[in-house]
PDB file of N, CA and C in Angstrom:
ATOM      1  N   MET A   1       0.890  -1.192   0.000  1.00  0.00           N
ATOM      2  CA  MET A   1       0.043  -0.189  -0.030  1.00  0.00           C
ATOM      3  C   MET A   1       0.719   1.392  -0.010  1.00  0.00           C
ATOM      4  N   ASN A   2       0.476   2.027  -0.676  1.00  0.00           N
ATOM      5  CA  ASN A   2       1.355   3.340  -0.809  1.00  0.00           C
ATOM      6  C   ASN A   2       0.502   4.697  -0.752  1.00  0.00           C
ATOM      7  N   ILE A   3       0.197   5.087   0.577  1.00  0.00           N
ATOM      8  CA  ILE A   3      -0.560   6.371   0.828  1.00  0.00           C
ATOM      9  C   ILE A   3       0.488   7.496   1.090  1.00  0.00           C
ATOM     10  N   ASP A   4       0.150   8.520   0.243  1.00  0.00           N
ATOM     11  CA  ASP A   4       1.075   9.672   0.135  1.00  0.00           C
ATOM     12  C   ASP A   4       0.564  10.789   1.117  1.00  0.00           C
ATOM     13  N   ARG A   5       1.132  11.069   2.200  1.00  0.00           N
ATOM     14  CA  ARG A   5       0.554  12.054   3.190  1.00  0.00           C
ATOM     15  C   ARG A   5       0.636  13.310   2.615  1.00  0.00           C
ATOM     16  N   GLU A   6       1.584  13.720   1.611  1.00  0.00           N
ATOM     17  CA  GLU A   6       1.562  14.975   1.005  1.00  0.00           C
ATOM     18  C   GLU A   6       0.492  15.172   0.054  1.00  0.00           C
ATOM     19  N   LYS A   7       0.291  14.083  -0.677  1.00  0.00           N
ATOM     20  CA  LYS A   7      -0.840  13.941  -1.567  1.00  0.00           C
ATOM     21  C   LYS A   7      -2.370  14.221  -1.052  1.00  0.00           C
ATOM     22  N   ILE A   8      -2.434  13.654   0.146  1.00  0.00           N
ATOM     23  CA  ILE A   8      -3.624  13.728   1.093  1.00  0.00           C
ATOM     24  C   ILE A   8      -3.852  14.980   1.464  1.00  0.00           C
ATOM     25  N   LYS A   9      -2.834  15.863   1.850  1.00  0.00           N
ATOM     26  CA  LYS A   9      -2.908  17.217   2.366  1.00  0.00           C
ATOM     27  C   LYS A   9      -3.441  18.048   1.182  1.00  0.00           C
ATOM     28  N   LYS A  10      -2.709  17.806  -0.083  1.00  0.00           N
ATOM     29  CA  LYS A  10      -2.898  18.620  -1.240  1.00  0.00           C
ATOM     30  C   LYS A  10      -4.365  18.433  -1.716  1.00  0.00           C
ATOM     31  N   VAL A  11      -4.819  17.233  -1.742  1.00  0.00           N
ATOM     32  CA  VAL A  11      -6.208  16.779  -2.151  1.00  0.00           C
ATOM     33  C   VAL A  11      -7.238  17.401  -1.344  1.00  0.00           C
ATOM     34  N   PHE A  12      -7.073  17.296  -0.024  1.00  0.00           N
ATOM     35  CA  PHE A  12      -7.871  17.785   1.079  1.00  0.00           C
ATOM     36  C   PHE A  12      -8.022  19.371   0.855  1.00  0.00           C
ATOM     37  N   ASN A  13      -6.769  19.984   0.899  1.00  0.00           N
ATOM     38  CA  ASN A  13      -7.009  21.338   0.740  1.00  0.00           C
ATOM     39  C   ASN A  13      -7.697  21.740  -0.584  1.00  0.00           C
ATOM     40  N   ASP A  14      -7.344  21.207  -1.581  1.00  0.00           N
ATOM     41  CA  ASP A  14      -8.089  21.573  -2.983  1.00  0.00           C
ATOM     42  C   ASP A  14      -9.589  21.209  -2.932  1.00  0.00           C
ATOM     43  N   TYR A  15     -10.025  20.312  -2.221  1.00  0.00           N
ATOM     44  CA  TYR A  15     -11.324  19.975  -2.073  1.00  0.00           C
ATOM     45  C   TYR A  15     -12.007  21.062  -1.076  1.00  0.00           C
ATOM     46  N   VAL A  16     -11.392  21.477   0.126  1.00  0.00           N
ATOM     47  CA  VAL A  16     -11.853  22.463   1.094  1.00  0.00           C
ATOM     48  C   VAL A  16     -11.913  23.592   0.273  1.00  0.00           C
ATOM     49  N   ASN A  17     -11.158  24.050  -0.479  1.00  0.00           N
ATOM     50  CA  ASN A  17     -10.996  25.388  -1.608  1.00  0.00           C
ATOM     51  C   ASN A  17     -12.243  25.521  -2.273  1.00  0.00           C
ATOM     52  N   GLU A  18     -13.044  24.380  -2.495  1.00  0.00           N
ATOM     53  CA  GLU A  18     -14.251  24.359  -3.344  1.00  0.00           C
ATOM     54  C   GLU A  18     -15.277  25.035  -2.395  1.00  0.00           C
ATOM     55  N   PHE A  19     -15.115  25.072  -1.444  1.00  0.00           N
ATOM     56  CA  PHE A  19     -16.123  25.918  -0.248  1.00  0.00           C
ATOM     57  C   PHE A  19     -15.823  27.196  -0.174  1.00  0.00           C
ATOM     58  N   ASP A  20     -16.562  27.904   0.632  1.00  0.00           N
ATOM     59  CA  ASP A  20     -16.271  29.312   1.120  1.00  0.00           C
ATOM     60  C   ASP A  20     -15.289  29.347   2.246  1.00  0.00           C
ATOM     61  N   VAL A  21     -14.003  29.475   1.659  1.00  0.00           N
ATOM     62  CA  VAL A  21     -12.928  29.363   2.751  1.00  0.00           C
ATOM     63  C   VAL A  21     -12.971  30.754   3.731  1.00  0.00           C
ATOM     64  N   GLU A  22     -13.510  31.697   3.229  1.00  0.00           N
ATOM     65  CA  GLU A  22     -13.626  32.756   4.109  1.00  0.00           C
ATOM     66  C   GLU A  22     -14.881  32.656   5.216  1.00  0.00           C
ATOM     67  N   ASP A  23     -15.627  31.810   5.172  1.00  0.00           N
ATOM     68  CA  ASP A  23     -16.548  31.465   6.224  1.00  0.00           C
ATOM     69  C   ASP A  23     -15.783  30.851   7.413  1.00  0.00           C
ATOM     70  N   GLU A  24     -16.030  31.384   8.508  1.00  0.00           N
ATOM     71  CA  GLU A  24     -15.173  30.779   9.713  1.00  0.00           C
ATOM     72  C   GLU A  24     -15.483  29.600  10.069  1.00  0.00           C
ATOM     73  N   MET A  25     -16.801  29.170   9.858  1.00  0.00           N
ATOM     74  CA  MET A  25     -17.034  27.849  10.366  1.00  0.00           C
ATOM     75  C   MET A  25     -16.317  26.811   9.573  1.00  0.00           C
ATOM     76  N   ILE A  26     -16.242  27.045   8.156  1.00  0.00           N
ATOM     77  CA  ILE A  26     -15.417  26.163   7.146  1.00  0.00           C
ATOM     78  C   ILE A  26     -13.880  26.205   7.623  1.00  0.00           C
ATOM     79  N   ARG A  27     -13.570  27.462   7.944  1.00  0.00           N
ATOM     80  CA  ARG A  27     -12.207  27.455   8.464  1.00  0.00           C
ATOM     81  C   ARG A  27     -11.932  26.709   9.595  1.00  0.00           C
ATOM     82  N   LEU A  28     -12.857  26.806  10.703  1.00  0.00           N
ATOM     83  CA  LEU A  28     -12.677  25.993  11.791  1.00  0.00           C
ATOM     84  C   LEU A  28     -12.786  24.783  11.656  1.00  0.00           C
ATOM     85  N   LYS A  29     -13.614  24.109  10.794  1.00  0.00           N
ATOM     86  CA  LYS A  29     -13.742  22.791  10.286  1.00  0.00           C
ATOM     87  C   LYS A  29     -12.367  22.157   9.712  1.00  0.00           C
ATOM     88  N   LYS A  30     -11.931  23.060   8.959  1.00  0.00           N
ATOM     89  CA  LYS A  30     -10.561  22.662   8.271  1.00  0.00           C
ATOM     90  C   LYS A  30      -9.464  22.460   9.476  1.00  0.00           C
ATOM     91  N   VAL A  31      -9.327  23.465  10.264  1.00  0.00           N
ATOM     92  CA  VAL A  31      -8.390  23.486  11.394  1.00  0.00           C
ATOM     93  C   VAL A  31      -8.570  22.096  12.056  1.00  0.00           C
ATOM     94  N   HIS A  32      -9.881  22.040  12.498  1.00  0.00           N
ATOM     95  CA  HIS A  32     -10.185  20.737  13.249  1.00  0.00           C
ATOM     96  C   HIS A  32      -9.757  19.445  12.471  1.00  0.00           C
ATOM     97  N   THR A  33     -10.092  19.259  11.298  1.00  0.00           N
ATOM     98  CA  THR A  33      -9.717  18.060  10.472  1.00  0.00           C
ATOM     99  C   THR A  33      -8.418  17.962  10.634  1.00  0.00           C
ATOM    100  N   ILE A  34      -7.554  18.981  10.293  1.00  0.00           N
ATOM    101  CA  ILE A  34      -5.922  18.857  10.306  1.00  0.00           C
ATOM    102  C   ILE A  34      -5.377  18.543  11.610  1.00  0.00           C
ATOM    103  N   ASN A  35      -6.154  19.123  12.715  1.00  0.00           N
ATOM    104  CA  ASN A  35      -5.526  18.586  14.153  1.00  0.00           C
ATOM    105  C   ASN A  35      -6.077  17.135  14.297  1.00  0.00           C
ATOM    106  N   VAL A  36      -7.296  16.593  13.946  1.00  0.00           N
ATOM    107  CA  VAL A  36      -7.520  15.336  14.219  1.00  0.00           C
ATOM    108  C   VAL A  36      -6.422  14.580  13.344  1.00  0.00           C
ATOM    109  N   ALA A  37      -6.025  14.730  12.112  1.00  0.00           N
ATOM    110  CA  ALA A  37      -5.094  13.996  11.246  1.00  0.00           C
ATOM    111  C   ALA A  37      -3.791  14.014  12.163  1.00  0.00           C
ATOM    112  N   SER A  38      -3.515  15.178  12.695  1.00  0.00           N
ATOM    113  CA  SER A  38      -2.095  15.062  13.311  1.00  0.00           C
ATOM    114  C   SER A  38      -2.077  14.219  14.602  1.00  0.00           C
ATOM    115  N   ILE A  39      -3.246  14.125  15.183  1.00  0.00           N
ATOM    116  CA  ILE A  39      -3.454  13.469  16.450  1.00  0.00           C
ATOM    117  C   ILE A  39      -3.355  11.922  15.984  1.00  0.00           C
ATOM    118  N   CYS A  40      -3.963  11.415  14.911  1.00  0.00           N
ATOM    119  CA  CYS A  40      -4.032  10.356  14.512  1.00  0.00           C
ATOM    120  C   CYS A  40      -2.573   9.959  14.166  1.00  0.00           C
ATOM    121  N   LEU A  41      -1.891  10.634  13.647  1.00  0.00           N
ATOM    122  CA  LEU A  41      -0.390  10.314  13.022  1.00  0.00           C
ATOM    123  C   LEU A  41       0.322  10.104  14.457  1.00  0.00           C
ATOM    124  N   ASP A  42       0.205  10.940  15.345  1.00  0.00           N
ATOM    125  CA  ASP A  42       1.062  10.884  16.790  1.00  0.00           C
ATOM    126  C   ASP A  42       0.584   9.586  17.292  1.00  0.00           C
ATOM    127  N   ILE A  43      -0.636   9.315  17.444  1.00  0.00           N
ATOM    128  CA  ILE A  43      -1.127   7.905  18.140  1.00  0.00           C
ATOM    129  C   ILE A  43      -0.448   6.557  17.204  1.00  0.00           C
ATOM    130  N   ALA A  44      -0.532   6.770  15.828  1.00  0.00           N
ATOM    131  CA  ALA A  44      -0.138   5.601  15.196  1.00  0.00           C
ATOM    132  C   ALA A  44       1.380   5.414  15.443  1.00  0.00           C
ATOM    133  N   ARG A  45       2.215   6.500  15.233  1.00  0.00           N
ATOM    134  CA  ARG A  45       3.479   6.437  15.585  1.00  0.00           C
ATOM    135  C   ARG A  45       3.861   5.959  16.952  1.00  0.00           C
ATOM    136  N   SER A  46       3.048   6.484  18.037  1.00  0.00           N
ATOM    137  CA  SER A  46       3.386   5.923  19.370  1.00  0.00           C
ATOM    138  C   SER A  46       3.042   4.352  19.549  1.00  0.00           C
ATOM    139  N   LEU A  47       2.265   3.961  18.743  1.00  0.00           N
ATOM    140  CA  LEU A  47       1.742   2.459  18.680  1.00  0.00           C
ATOM    141  C   LEU A  47       2.993   1.678  17.859  1.00  0.00           C
ATOM    142  N   ASN A  48       3.953   2.301  17.277  1.00  0.00           N
ATOM    143  CA  ASN A  48       4.965   1.629  16.373  1.00  0.00           C
ATOM    144  C   ASN A  48       4.343   0.923  15.306  1.00  0.00           C
ATOM    145  N   LEU A  49       3.360   1.536  14.726  1.00  0.00           N
ATOM    146  CA  LEU A  49       2.649   0.841  13.451  1.00  0.00           C
ATOM    147  C   LEU A  49       3.606   1.035  12.372  1.00  0.00           C
ATOM    148  N   GLU A  50       3.549   0.082  11.533  1.00  0.00           N
ATOM    149  CA  GLU A  50       4.295   0.204  10.171  1.00  0.00           C
ATOM    150  C   GLU A  50       4.037   1.410   9.373  1.00  0.00           C
ATOM    151  N   ARG A  51       4.897   1.810   8.552  1.00  0.00           N
ATOM    152  CA  ARG A  51       4.564   3.194   7.737  1.00  0.00           C
ATOM    153  C   ARG A  51       3.309   3.018   7.135  1.00  0.00           C
ATOM    154  N   ASP A  52       2.856   2.076   6.394  1.00  0.00           N
ATOM    155  CA  ASP A  52       1.553   2.047   5.743  1.00  0.00           C
ATOM    156  C   ASP A  52       0.580   2.230   6.490  1.00  0.00           C
ATOM    157  N   GLU A  53       0.524   1.530   7.820  1.00  0.00           N
ATOM    158  CA  GLU A  53      -0.667   1.752   8.691  1.00  0.00           C
ATOM    159  C   GLU A  53      -0.702   3.260   9.378  1.00  0.00           C
ATOM    160  N   VAL A  54       0.483   3.764   9.450  1.00  0.00           N
ATOM    161  CA  VAL A  54       0.727   5.215  10.081  1.00  0.00           C
ATOM    162  C   VAL A  54      -0.180   6.160   8.892  1.00  0.00           C
ATOM    163  N   ASN A  55       0.354   5.800   7.668  1.00  0.00           N
ATOM    164  CA  ASN A  55      -0.201   6.761   6.670  1.00  0.00           C
ATOM    165  C   ASN A  55      -1.693   6.538   6.613  1.00  0.00           C
ATOM    166  N   LEU A  56      -2.209   5.218   6.918  1.00  0.00           N
ATOM    167  CA  LEU A  56      -3.682   5.169   6.607  1.00  0.00           C
ATOM    168  C   LEU A  56      -4.456   5.942   7.844  1.00  0.00           C
ATOM    169  N   CYS A  57      -3.828   5.743   9.012  1.00  0.00           N
ATOM    170  CA  CYS A  57      -4.285   6.530  10.197  1.00  0.00           C
ATOM    171  C   CYS A  57      -4.334   7.923   9.823  1.00  0.00           C
ATOM    172  N   TYR A  58      -3.381   8.528   9.191  1.00  0.00           N
ATOM    173  CA  TYR A  58      -3.520   9.882   8.814  1.00  0.00           C
ATOM    174  C   TYR A  58      -4.461  10.260   8.051  1.00  0.00           C
ATOM    175  N   MET A  59      -4.716   9.385   7.028  1.00  0.00           N
ATOM    176  CA  MET A  59      -5.705   9.415   5.869  1.00  0.00           C
ATOM    177  C   MET A  59      -7.096   9.542   6.519  1.00  0.00           C
ATOM    178  N   ILE A  60      -7.259   8.463   7.391  1.00  0.00           N
ATOM    179  CA  ILE A  60      -8.365   8.387   8.128  1.00  0.00           C
ATOM    180  C   ILE A  60      -8.905   9.753   8.828  1.00  0.00           C
ATOM    181  N   GLY A  61      -7.870  10.248   9.551  1.00  0.00           N
ATOM    182  CA  GLY A  61      -8.311  11.462  10.201  1.00  0.00           C
ATOM    183  C   GLY A  61      -8.731  12.549   9.360  1.00  0.00           C
ATOM    184  N   MET A  62      -7.867  12.720   8.278  1.00  0.00           N
ATOM    185  CA  MET A  62      -8.398  13.760   7.325  1.00  0.00           C
ATOM    186  C   MET A  62      -9.679  13.526   6.531  1.00  0.00           C
ATOM    187  N   LEU A  63      -9.993  12.393   6.490  1.00  0.00           N
ATOM    188  CA  LEU A  63     -11.271  12.034   5.763  1.00  0.00           C
ATOM    189  C   LEU A  63     -12.591  11.956   6.716  1.00  0.00           C
ATOM    190  N   HIS A  64     -12.205  11.926   8.272  1.00  0.00           N
ATOM    191  CA  HIS A  64     -13.344  11.561   9.086  1.00  0.00           C
ATOM    192  C   HIS A  64     -14.460  12.682   9.164  1.00  0.00           C
ATOM    193  N   ASP A  65     -14.346  13.783   8.666  1.00  0.00           N
ATOM    194  CA  ASP A  65     -15.466  14.891   8.606  1.00  0.00           C
ATOM    195  C   ASP A  65     -15.521  15.478   7.245  1.00  0.00           C
ATOM    196  N   ILE A  66     -15.092  14.640   6.233  1.00  0.00           N
ATOM    197  CA  ILE A  66     -15.176  15.368   5.009  1.00  0.00           C
ATOM    198  C   ILE A  66     -16.462  15.852   4.416  1.00  0.00           C
ATOM    199  N   ALA A  67     -17.572  15.151   4.993  1.00  0.00           N
ATOM    200  CA  ALA A  67     -19.033  15.726   4.700  1.00  0.00           C
ATOM    201  C   ALA A  67     -19.465  16.982   5.371  1.00  0.00           C
ATOM    202  N   ARG A  68     -18.616  17.303   6.343  1.00  0.00           N
ATOM    203  CA  ARG A  68     -19.019  18.492   7.101  1.00  0.00           C
ATOM    204  C   ARG A  68     -18.938  19.777   6.198  1.00  0.00           C
ATOM    205  N   PHE A  69     -18.055  19.843   5.206  1.00  0.00           N
ATOM    206  CA  PHE A  69     -18.069  21.160   4.351  1.00  0.00           C
ATOM    207  C   PHE A  69     -19.306  21.196   3.641  1.00  0.00           C
ATOM    208  N   ARG A  70     -19.805  20.245   3.074  1.00  0.00           N
ATOM    209  CA  ARG A  70     -21.064  20.324   2.242  1.00  0.00           C
ATOM    210  C   ARG A  70     -22.144  20.384   3.203  1.00  0.00           C
ATOM    211  N   GLN A  71     -22.127  19.775   4.345  1.00  0.00           N
ATOM    212  CA  GLN A  71     -23.322  19.933   5.219  1.00  0.00           C
ATOM    213  C   GLN A  71     -23.493  21.465   5.764  1.00  0.00           C
ATOM    214  N   TYR A  72     -22.252  22.038   6.169  1.00  0.00           N
ATOM    215  CA  TYR A  72     -22.329  23.448   6.570  1.00  0.00           C
ATOM    216  C   TYR A  72     -22.871  24.346   5.390  1.00  0.00           C
ATOM    217  N   THR A  73     -22.355  23.911   4.239  1.00  0.00           N
ATOM    218  CA  THR A  73     -22.603  24.949   3.001  1.00  0.00           C
ATOM    219  C   THR A  73     -24.170  24.678   2.781  1.00  0.00           C
ATOM    220  N   ILE A  74     -24.700  23.725   2.743  1.00  0.00           N
ATOM    221  CA  ILE A  74     -26.058  23.540   2.445  1.00  0.00           C
ATOM    222  C   ILE A  74     -27.085  24.000   3.554  1.00  0.00           C
ATOM    223  N   TYR A  75     -26.769  23.484   4.884  1.00  0.00           N
ATOM    224  CA  TYR A  75     -27.745  23.549   5.926  1.00  0.00           C
ATOM    225  C   TYR A  75     -27.215  24.696   6.918  1.00  0.00           C
ATOM    226  N   LYS A  76     -26.086  25.148   6.971  1.00  0.00           N
ATOM    227  CA  LYS A  76     -25.561  26.130   7.548  1.00  0.00           C
ATOM    228  C   LYS A  76     -25.505  25.636   9.207  1.00  0.00           C
ATOM    229  N   THR A  77     -25.247  24.415   9.413  1.00  0.00           N
ATOM    230  CA  THR A  77     -25.267  23.710  10.645  1.00  0.00           C
ATOM    231  C   THR A  77     -24.253  22.562  10.665  1.00  0.00           C
ATOM    232  N   PHE A  78     -23.719  22.002  11.729  1.00  0.00           N
ATOM    233  CA  PHE A  78     -23.018  20.865  11.940  1.00  0.00           C
ATOM    234  C   PHE A  78     -23.937  19.685  12.678  1.00  0.00           C
ATOM    235  N   TYR A  79     -25.178  20.110  12.996  1.00  0.00           N
ATOM    236  CA  TYR A  79     -25.801  19.379  13.927  1.00  0.00           C
ATOM    237  C   TYR A  79     -26.607  18.425  12.891  1.00  0.00           C
ATOM    238  N   ASP A  80     -26.326  17.070  13.018  1.00  0.00           N
ATOM    239  CA  ASP A  80     -27.051  15.920  12.036  1.00  0.00           C
ATOM    240  C   ASP A  80     -28.308  16.032  12.348  1.00  0.00           C
ATOM    241  N   SER A  81     -28.880  16.144  13.403  1.00  0.00           N
ATOM    242  CA  SER A  81     -30.322  16.034  13.793  1.00  0.00           C
ATOM    243  C   SER A  81     -30.904  17.460  13.179  1.00  0.00           C
ATOM    244  N   LYS A  82     -30.500  18.342  12.689  1.00  0.00           N
ATOM    245  CA  LYS A  82     -30.998  19.556  12.151  1.00  0.00           C
ATOM    246  C   LYS A  82     -30.664  19.488  10.564  1.00  0.00           C
ATOM    247  N   SER A  83     -30.029  18.611   9.956  1.00  0.00           N
ATOM    248  CA  SER A  83     -29.646  18.682   8.629  1.00  0.00           C
ATOM    249  C   SER A  83     -29.685  17.011   8.125  1.00  0.00           C
ATOM    250  N   VAL A  84     -28.412  16.686   8.010  1.00  0.00           N
ATOM    251  CA  VAL A  84     -28.118  15.371   7.309  1.00  0.00           C
ATOM    252  C   VAL A  84     -26.934  14.511   8.147  1.00  0.00           C
ATOM    253  N   ASP A  85     -27.087  13.223   8.222  1.00  0.00           N
ATOM    254  CA  ASP A  85     -26.095  12.289   8.822  1.00  0.00           C
ATOM    255  C   ASP A  85     -25.089  12.494   8.114  1.00  0.00           C
ATOM    256  N   HIS A  86     -23.857  13.137   8.721  1.00  0.00           N
ATOM    257  CA  HIS A  86     -22.596  13.478   8.060  1.00  0.00           C
ATOM    258  C   HIS A  86     -21.795  12.439   7.910  1.00  0.00           C
ATOM    259  N   ALA A  87     -22.007  11.304   8.686  1.00  0.00           N
ATOM    260  CA  ALA A  87     -21.060  10.110   8.298  1.00  0.00           C
ATOM    261  C   ALA A  87     -21.803   9.427   7.043  1.00  0.00           C
ATOM    262  N   LYS A  88     -22.957   9.288   6.870  1.00  0.00           N
ATOM    263  CA  LYS A  88     -23.656   8.769   5.491  1.00  0.00           C
ATOM    264  C   LYS A  88     -23.198   9.505   4.346  1.00  0.00           C
ATOM    265  N   LEU A  89     -23.278  10.848   4.557  1.00  0.00           N
ATOM    266  CA  LEU A  89     -23.101  11.833   3.436  1.00  0.00           C
ATOM    267  C   LEU A  89     -21.604  11.714   3.144  1.00  0.00           C
ATOM    268  N   GLY A  90     -20.549  11.478   4.139  1.00  0.00           N
ATOM    269  CA  GLY A  90     -19.414  11.201   3.866  1.00  0.00           C
ATOM    270  C   GLY A  90     -18.985  10.189   3.100  1.00  0.00           C
ATOM    271  N   CYS A  91     -19.811   9.009   3.134  1.00  0.00           N
ATOM    272  CA  CYS A  91     -19.644   7.779   2.528  1.00  0.00           C
ATOM    273  C   CYS A  91     -20.072   8.024   1.087  1.00  0.00           C
ATOM    274  N   GLU A  92     -21.126   8.621   1.079  1.00  0.00           N
ATOM    275  CA  GLU A  92     -21.679   9.034  -0.428  1.00  0.00           C
ATOM    276  C   GLU A  92     -20.639   9.782  -1.176  1.00  0.00           C
ATOM    277  N   ILE A  93     -20.241  10.836  -0.569  1.00  0.00           N
ATOM    278  CA  ILE A  93     -19.363  11.817  -1.232  1.00  0.00           C
ATOM    279  C   ILE A  93     -17.934  10.975  -1.670  1.00  0.00           C
ATOM    280  N   LEU A  94     -17.399  10.340  -0.712  1.00  0.00           N
ATOM    281  CA  LEU A  94     -16.136   9.608  -1.057  1.00  0.00           C
ATOM    282  C   LEU A  94     -16.353   8.447  -1.838  1.00  0.00           C
ATOM    283  N   PHE A  95     -17.298   7.501  -1.767  1.00  0.00           N
ATOM    284  CA  PHE A  95     -17.446   6.152  -2.567  1.00  0.00           C
ATOM    285  C   PHE A  95     -18.469   6.150  -3.725  1.00  0.00           C
ATOM    286  N   GLU A  96     -19.509   6.972  -3.484  1.00  0.00           N
ATOM    287  CA  GLU A  96     -20.627   7.003  -4.663  1.00  0.00           C
ATOM    288  C   GLU A  96     -20.144   8.035  -5.739  1.00  0.00           C
ATOM    289  N   GLU A  97     -19.823   9.272  -5.172  1.00  0.00           N
ATOM    290  CA  GLU A  97     -19.203  10.492  -5.948  1.00  0.00           C
ATOM    291  C   GLU A  97     -17.671  10.174  -6.385  1.00  0.00           C
ATOM    292  N   GLY A  98     -17.014   9.237  -5.703  1.00  0.00           N
ATOM    293  CA  GLY A  98     -15.753   8.822  -6.112  1.00  0.00           C
ATOM    294  C   GLY A  98     -14.587   9.677  -5.593  1.00  0.00           C
ATOM    295  N   LEU A  99     -15.098  10.835  -4.798  1.00  0.00           N
ATOM    296  CA  LEU A  99     -13.800  11.559  -4.207  1.00  0.00           C
ATOM    297  C   LEU A  99     -12.649  10.718  -3.712  1.00  0.00           C
ATOM    298  N   ILE A 100     -12.839   9.564  -3.125  1.00  0.00           N
ATOM    299  CA  ILE A 100     -11.827   8.783  -2.592  1.00  0.00           C
ATOM    300  C   ILE A 100     -10.605   8.568  -3.702  1.00  0.00           C
ATOM    301  N   ASN A 101     -11.118   8.659  -4.796  1.00  0.00           N
ATOM    302  CA  ASN A 101     -10.086   8.374  -5.982  1.00  0.00           C
ATOM    303  C   ASN A 101      -9.231   9.689  -6.221  1.00  0.00           C
ATOM    304  N   ARG A 102      -9.469  10.773  -5.516  1.00  0.00           N
ATOM    305  CA  ARG A 102      -8.632  11.803  -5.563  1.00  0.00           C
ATOM    306  C   ARG A 102      -7.483  11.753  -4.736  1.00  0.00           C
ATOM    307  N   PHE A 103      -7.746  10.914  -3.455  1.00  0.00           N
ATOM    308  CA  PHE A 103      -7.040  10.873  -2.398  1.00  0.00           C
ATOM    309  C   PHE A 103      -5.911   9.731  -2.733  1.00  0.00           C
ATOM    310  N   VAL A 104      -6.448   8.456  -3.140  1.00  0.00           N
ATOM    311  CA  VAL A 104      -5.743   7.355  -3.579  1.00  0.00           C
ATOM    312  C   VAL A 104      -6.414   6.667  -4.849  1.00  0.00           C
ATOM    313  N   ASP A 105      -5.480   5.980  -5.388  1.00  0.00           N
ATOM    314  CA  ASP A 105      -6.237   5.248  -6.551  1.00  0.00           C
ATOM    315  C   ASP A 105      -5.792   3.791  -6.365  1.00  0.00           C
ATOM    316  N   GLU A 106      -6.316   2.819  -7.220  1.00  0.00           N
ATOM    317  CA  GLU A 106      -5.984   1.340  -7.024  1.00  0.00           C
ATOM    318  C   GLU A 106      -4.614   1.080  -6.897  1.00  0.00           C
ATOM    319  N   SER A 107      -3.811   1.644  -7.557  1.00  0.00           N
ATOM    320  CA  SER A 107      -2.267   1.392  -7.512  1.00  0.00           C
ATOM    321  C   SER A 107      -1.628   1.667  -6.206  1.00  0.00           C
ATOM    322  N   ASP A 108      -2.185   2.717  -5.644  1.00  0.00           N
ATOM    323  CA  ASP A 108      -1.742   3.341  -4.353  1.00  0.00           C
ATOM    324  C   ASP A 108      -2.121   2.031  -3.175  1.00  0.00           C
ATOM    325  N   MET A 109      -3.203   1.359  -3.351  1.00  0.00           N
ATOM    326  CA  MET A 109      -3.592   0.392  -2.551  1.00  0.00           C
ATOM    327  C   MET A 109      -2.985  -1.056  -2.638  1.00  0.00           C
ATOM    328  N   LYS A 110      -2.327  -1.265  -3.708  1.00  0.00           N
ATOM    329  CA  LYS A 110      -1.481  -2.406  -4.005  1.00  0.00           C
ATOM    330  C   LYS A 110      -0.481  -2.766  -2.981  1.00  0.00           C
ATOM    331  N   SER A 111      -0.309  -3.810  -2.564  1.00  0.00           N
ATOM    332  CA  SER A 111       0.934  -4.154  -1.610  1.00  0.00           C
ATOM    333  C   SER A 111       2.057  -4.016  -2.478  1.00  0.00           C
ATOM    334  N   GLU A 112       3.280  -3.462  -1.799  1.00  0.00           N
ATOM    335  CA  GLU A 112       4.548  -3.409  -2.333  1.00  0.00           C
ATOM    336  C   GLU A 112       5.381  -4.671  -2.209  1.00  0.00           C
ATOM    337  N   ASP A 113       4.721  -5.730  -1.856  1.00  0.00           N
ATOM    338  CA  ASP A 113       5.518  -6.939  -1.771  1.00  0.00           C
ATOM    339  C   ASP A 113       5.991  -7.647  -2.905  1.00  0.00           C
TER     340      ASP A 113
END
């Protein structure tokens, strides 16, 4: 598996830039996501995980709230009960709409054995 953290950062920033980055709530969610990914990285490293596992943990942190940007743009709230289930929407954005392919492609997921 070959997950490139620099690619993840770039694709994430490109995706977020599709929204109103001048909106304070969008900026806060972006900072939150980057912080979560950093914590995931630290935890994975502290567990002495393999490089690929560390990078996967980082990517999961970056993607954990990917739907929040659309959710806030449409509904002006992060409350799922007042809008949409952000986890379900995140799966739709990543897998049905194919956003995950911007982060990794099939060749990235193949083992280097």
